[in-house]
Amino acid sequence: MNAESLAKTDTYVLIARVAEKAVGMCVLFDRGDRSAELKRMIVDAESRGAGVGSCVVLLHPRNL
């Protein structure tokens, strides 16, 4: 993954924050067929098991 791929209009970088601290991040590529590819998922070690990863993906604007 490089800056060029992140700049595409079908790429979403989502960041989860708790009290202004970034605790999770994922990169989604919209495939255009109502599906997406989860390219990266990172959750802070202290926040693992708290559902941060699920929230980041489920609260993507296309799911609302």
N, C-alpha and C. Protein backbone atom coordinates (compact mmCIF):
# COMPACT_ATOMS: atom_id res chain seq x y z
N MET A 1 0.85 -1.15 0.00
CA MET A 1 0.00 0.00 0.00
C MET A 1 0.91 1.23 0.00
N ASN A 2 0.56 2.19 -0.85
CA ASN A 2 1.36 3.42 -0.94
C ASN A 2 0.44 4.63 -0.94
N ALA A 3 1.04 5.81 -0.96
CA ALA A 3 0.25 7.05 -0.91
C ALA A 3 -0.69 7.16 -2.10
N GLU A 4 -0.28 6.69 -3.26
CA GLU A 4 -1.13 6.76 -4.45
C GLU A 4 -2.40 5.93 -4.27
N SER A 5 -2.29 4.73 -3.72
CA SER A 5 -3.48 3.90 -3.51
C SER A 5 -4.39 4.48 -2.43
N LEU A 6 -3.82 5.14 -1.43
CA LEU A 6 -4.63 5.76 -0.38
C LEU A 6 -5.36 7.00 -0.86
N ALA A 7 -4.88 7.62 -1.94
CA ALA A 7 -5.48 8.86 -2.45
C ALA A 7 -6.69 8.60 -3.36
N LYS A 8 -6.95 7.36 -3.73
CA LYS A 8 -8.07 7.04 -4.63
C LYS A 8 -9.40 7.31 -3.93
N THR A 9 -10.40 7.67 -4.74
CA THR A 9 -11.72 8.01 -4.17
C THR A 9 -12.44 6.80 -3.60
N ASP A 10 -12.04 5.59 -3.95
CA ASP A 10 -12.70 4.39 -3.42
C ASP A 10 -11.94 3.79 -2.24
N THR A 11 -11.04 4.56 -1.65
CA THR A 11 -10.26 4.10 -0.51
C THR A 11 -10.64 4.92 0.72
N TYR A 12 -10.88 4.23 1.82
CA TYR A 12 -11.27 4.89 3.06
C TYR A 12 -10.28 4.52 4.16
N VAL A 13 -9.76 5.53 4.83
CA VAL A 13 -8.92 5.33 6.00
C VAL A 13 -9.74 5.79 7.20
N LEU A 14 -10.06 4.86 8.08
CA LEU A 14 -10.93 5.14 9.22
C LEU A 14 -10.12 5.03 10.51
N ILE A 15 -10.27 6.02 11.37
CA ILE A 15 -9.51 6.06 12.62
C ILE A 15 -10.47 6.10 13.80
N ALA A 16 -10.25 5.22 14.77
CA ALA A 16 -11.05 5.21 16.00
C ALA A 16 -10.29 5.98 17.06
N ARG A 17 -11.00 6.87 17.75
CA ARG A 17 -10.39 7.66 18.81
C ARG A 17 -11.18 7.52 20.10
N VAL A 18 -10.46 7.52 21.20
CA VAL A 18 -11.06 7.55 22.53
C VAL A 18 -10.37 8.70 23.26
N ALA A 19 -11.16 9.70 23.63
CA ALA A 19 -10.61 10.88 24.33
C ALA A 19 -9.44 11.47 23.55
N GLU A 20 -9.63 11.64 22.25
CA GLU A 20 -8.64 12.25 21.36
C GLU A 20 -7.40 11.41 21.11
N LYS A 21 -7.36 10.18 21.64
CA LYS A 21 -6.23 9.28 21.39
C LYS A 21 -6.65 8.28 20.33
N ALA A 22 -5.84 8.14 19.27
CA ALA A 22 -6.12 7.14 18.23
C ALA A 22 -5.87 5.75 18.83
N VAL A 23 -6.90 4.90 18.79
CA VAL A 23 -6.78 3.55 19.34
C VAL A 23 -6.97 2.46 18.29
N GLY A 24 -7.37 2.86 17.08
CA GLY A 24 -7.55 1.89 16.01
C GLY A 24 -7.60 2.56 14.66
N MET A 25 -7.30 1.77 13.61
CA MET A 25 -7.29 2.30 12.25
C MET A 25 -7.53 1.14 11.29
N CYS A 26 -8.27 1.41 10.23
CA CYS A 26 -8.39 0.42 9.16
C CYS A 26 -8.42 1.14 7.82
N VAL A 27 -8.05 0.40 6.79
CA VAL A 27 -8.10 0.89 5.41
C VAL A 27 -9.03 -0.04 4.65
N LEU A 28 -10.05 0.54 4.01
CA LEU A 28 -11.01 -0.22 3.21
C LEU A 28 -10.95 0.23 1.77
N PHE A 29 -10.98 -0.74 0.85
CA PHE A 29 -11.08 -0.44 -0.57
C PHE A 29 -12.49 -0.82 -1.01
N ASP A 30 -13.25 0.14 -1.50
CA ASP A 30 -14.60 -0.09 -2.00
C ASP A 30 -14.49 -0.78 -3.35
N ARG A 31 -15.07 -1.96 -3.47
CA ARG A 31 -14.99 -2.74 -4.72
C ARG A 31 -16.03 -2.31 -5.74
N GLY A 32 -16.98 -1.50 -5.33
CA GLY A 32 -17.98 -1.00 -6.27
C GLY A 32 -19.16 -1.93 -6.46
N ASP A 33 -19.17 -3.06 -5.81
CA ASP A 33 -20.28 -4.01 -5.94
C ASP A 33 -20.96 -4.25 -4.59
N ARG A 34 -20.98 -3.21 -3.76
CA ARG A 34 -21.53 -3.23 -2.41
C ARG A 34 -20.70 -4.11 -1.47
N SER A 35 -19.44 -4.31 -1.82
CA SER A 35 -18.52 -5.03 -0.93
C SER A 35 -17.23 -4.21 -0.82
N ALA A 36 -16.45 -4.52 0.18
CA ALA A 36 -15.20 -3.81 0.39
C ALA A 36 -14.12 -4.79 0.80
N GLU A 37 -12.89 -4.44 0.49
CA GLU A 37 -11.74 -5.23 0.91
C GLU A 37 -11.10 -4.54 2.10
N LEU A 38 -10.96 -5.28 3.18
CA LEU A 38 -10.29 -4.76 4.37
C LEU A 38 -8.79 -4.97 4.15
N LYS A 39 -8.09 -3.87 3.91
CA LYS A 39 -6.68 -3.97 3.56
C LYS A 39 -5.79 -3.97 4.80
N ARG A 40 -6.10 -3.15 5.78
CA ARG A 40 -5.32 -3.07 7.00
C ARG A 40 -6.26 -2.89 8.19
N MET A 41 -5.90 -3.47 9.32
CA MET A 41 -6.62 -3.26 10.57
C MET A 41 -5.59 -3.25 11.68
N ILE A 42 -5.55 -2.16 12.41
CA ILE A 42 -4.61 -2.02 13.51
C ILE A 42 -5.39 -1.51 14.72
N VAL A 43 -5.20 -2.16 15.87
CA VAL A 43 -5.83 -1.73 17.12
C VAL A 43 -4.73 -1.69 18.18
N ASP A 44 -4.70 -0.60 18.93
CA ASP A 44 -3.75 -0.43 20.01
C ASP A 44 -3.84 -1.62 20.97
N ALA A 45 -2.69 -2.11 21.41
CA ALA A 45 -2.66 -3.30 22.28
C ALA A 45 -3.54 -3.14 23.51
N GLU A 46 -3.56 -1.98 24.10
CA GLU A 46 -4.37 -1.75 25.31
C GLU A 46 -5.87 -1.75 25.03
N SER A 47 -6.25 -1.55 23.76
CA SER A 47 -7.67 -1.46 23.40
C SER A 47 -8.21 -2.73 22.79
N ARG A 48 -7.37 -3.72 22.58
CA ARG A 48 -7.82 -4.97 21.97
C ARG A 48 -8.82 -5.67 22.87
N GLY A 49 -9.84 -6.27 22.25
CA GLY A 49 -10.88 -6.97 22.99
C GLY A 49 -12.04 -6.08 23.39
N ALA A 50 -11.94 -4.79 23.10
CA ALA A 50 -12.99 -3.85 23.48
C ALA A 50 -13.96 -3.56 22.34
N GLY A 51 -13.78 -4.21 21.19
CA GLY A 51 -14.68 -4.00 20.06
C GLY A 51 -14.31 -2.83 19.17
N VAL A 52 -13.12 -2.29 19.32
CA VAL A 52 -12.70 -1.14 18.52
C VAL A 52 -12.71 -1.48 17.03
N GLY A 53 -12.14 -2.59 16.66
CA GLY A 53 -12.08 -2.98 15.25
C GLY A 53 -13.45 -3.12 14.63
N SER A 54 -14.37 -3.75 15.34
CA SER A 54 -15.74 -3.91 14.84
C SER A 54 -16.41 -2.56 14.66
N CYS A 55 -16.23 -1.67 15.61
CA CYS A 55 -16.85 -0.34 15.52
C CYS A 55 -16.32 0.44 14.34
N VAL A 56 -15.03 0.38 14.11
CA VAL A 56 -14.44 1.13 12.99
C VAL A 56 -15.06 0.68 11.68
N VAL A 57 -15.16 -0.62 11.47
CA VAL A 57 -15.71 -1.14 10.21
C VAL A 57 -17.22 -0.91 10.13
N LEU A 58 -17.96 -1.20 11.20
CA LEU A 58 -19.41 -1.07 11.17
C LEU A 58 -19.88 0.36 11.08
N LEU A 59 -19.11 1.32 11.56
CA LEU A 59 -19.52 2.71 11.52
C LEU A 59 -19.01 3.45 10.28
N HIS A 60 -18.51 2.69 9.33
CA HIS A 60 -18.14 3.30 8.04
C HIS A 60 -19.40 3.96 7.47
N PRO A 61 -19.27 5.17 6.91
CA PRO A 61 -20.45 5.92 6.43
C PRO A 61 -21.36 5.14 5.49
N ARG A 62 -20.85 4.22 4.72
CA ARG A 62 -21.70 3.46 3.80
C ARG A 62 -22.58 2.46 4.53
N ASN A 63 -22.25 2.14 5.77
CA ASN A 63 -23.06 1.20 6.56
C ASN A 63 -24.15 1.91 7.35
N LEU A 64 -24.13 3.23 7.41
CA LEU A 64 -25.10 3.96 8.21
C LEU A 64 -26.37 4.24 7.43
